[in-house]
Amino acid sequence: MSEHGKELMMLLRNIYNDHDFVCGTMSNCGGEEAWKEMCDFIKYANEQCEKITSDDILALSLSLGEKYVRDKDIVCIADSETMAAAL
């Protein structure tokens, strides 16, 4: 898994430490570019002492998924064994 993927997993766990939340959020995003953008958002919110919830993150992940996957037929982030091992 990429550095942004690993970083995002850790950031997501700090928000809500749940396997389904982390995997679902990362899958919704659509890949590396979206993972970077979500990492940047979470880090910026933390720097500004803004409280973000799992609902905020899920909404952002869906939006990023539309942005980055709009014209793609299939997106494969990682198989379930890879995601489970990473968590």
Protein backbone atom coordinates (compact mmCIF):
# COMPACT_ATOMS: atom_id res chain seq x y z
CA MET A 1 0.00 0.00 0.00
CA SER A 2 1.21 3.52 -0.76
CA GLU A 3 2.44 6.00 1.82
CA HIS A 4 -0.75 8.06 1.41
CA GLY A 5 -2.82 4.94 1.93
CA LYS A 6 -0.97 4.05 5.12
CA GLU A 7 -1.16 7.63 6.39
CA LEU A 8 -4.88 7.82 5.65
CA MET A 9 -5.55 4.57 7.49
CA MET A 10 -3.89 5.97 10.61
CA LEU A 11 -5.75 9.29 10.35
CA LEU A 12 -9.08 7.50 9.87
CA ARG A 13 -8.43 5.24 12.86
CA ASN A 14 -7.92 8.34 15.01
CA ILE A 15 -11.38 9.53 13.98
CA TYR A 16 -13.20 6.21 14.34
CA ASN A 17 -11.27 3.01 14.97
CA ASP A 18 -13.50 0.62 13.05
CA HIS A 19 -12.36 -1.75 10.29
CA ASP A 20 -15.49 -1.26 8.15
CA PHE A 21 -15.27 2.53 8.45
CA VAL A 22 -11.62 2.60 7.38
CA CYS A 23 -12.02 0.15 4.49
CA GLY A 24 -15.28 1.67 3.30
CA THR A 25 -13.95 5.21 3.40
CA MET A 26 -10.81 4.30 1.49
CA SER A 27 -12.79 2.34 -1.10
CA ASN A 28 -15.24 5.21 -1.58
CA CYS A 29 -12.44 7.65 -2.31
CA GLY A 30 -11.31 6.11 -5.57
CA GLY A 31 -7.56 5.86 -5.16
CA GLU A 32 -4.25 7.54 -4.53
CA GLU A 33 -5.10 11.13 -5.51
CA ALA A 34 -8.24 11.12 -3.39
CA TRP A 35 -6.37 9.55 -0.47
CA LYS A 36 -3.85 12.39 -0.60
CA GLU A 37 -6.62 14.98 -0.73
CA MET A 38 -8.40 13.40 2.23
CA CYS A 39 -5.16 13.24 4.24
CA ASP A 40 -4.59 16.93 3.54
CA PHE A 41 -8.14 17.76 4.62
CA ILE A 42 -7.88 15.82 7.89
CA LYS A 43 -4.45 17.25 8.74
CA TYR A 44 -5.64 20.80 7.99
CA ALA A 45 -8.73 20.32 10.17
CA ASN A 46 -6.53 19.01 12.98
CA GLU A 47 -4.17 21.99 12.66
CA GLN A 48 -7.15 24.35 12.89
CA CYS A 49 -8.50 22.42 15.91
CA GLU A 50 -11.68 21.68 13.97
CA LYS A 51 -13.74 18.71 15.13
CA ILE A 52 -14.50 16.36 12.25
CA THR A 53 -16.75 13.34 12.58
CA SER A 54 -16.95 10.02 10.82
CA ASP A 55 -20.04 11.36 9.02
CA ASP A 56 -17.99 14.28 7.67
CA ILE A 57 -15.36 11.87 6.41
CA LEU A 58 -17.87 9.52 4.80
CA ALA A 59 -19.50 12.44 2.96
CA LEU A 60 -16.09 13.65 1.76
CA SER A 61 -15.12 10.14 0.63
CA LEU A 62 -18.25 9.89 -1.53
CA SER A 63 -17.58 13.30 -3.03
CA LEU A 64 -13.96 12.41 -3.78
CA GLY A 65 -15.07 9.11 -5.27
CA GLU A 66 -17.30 10.97 -7.71
CA LYS A 67 -14.52 13.42 -8.50
CA TYR A 68 -11.79 10.85 -9.16
CA VAL A 69 -13.77 7.86 -10.46
CA ARG A 70 -16.36 9.64 -12.58
CA ASP A 71 -15.01 8.43 -15.94
CA LYS A 72 -13.54 5.10 -14.88
CA ASP A 73 -15.36 1.80 -15.30
CA ILE A 74 -13.65 -0.16 -12.52
CA VAL A 75 -11.53 0.89 -9.57
CA CYS A 76 -9.66 -1.68 -7.53
CA ILE A 77 -8.12 -0.20 -4.38
CA ALA A 78 -6.90 -3.41 -2.76
CA ASP A 79 -8.21 -6.87 -2.23
CA SER A 80 -9.80 -7.62 1.12
CA GLU A 81 -6.84 -9.67 2.37
CA THR A 82 -4.44 -6.77 1.73
CA MET A 83 -6.74 -4.31 3.52
CA ALA A 84 -7.25 -6.69 6.46
CA ALA A 85 -3.51 -7.26 6.78
CA ALA A 86 -2.83 -3.52 6.68
CA LEU A 87 -5.33 -2.88 9.46
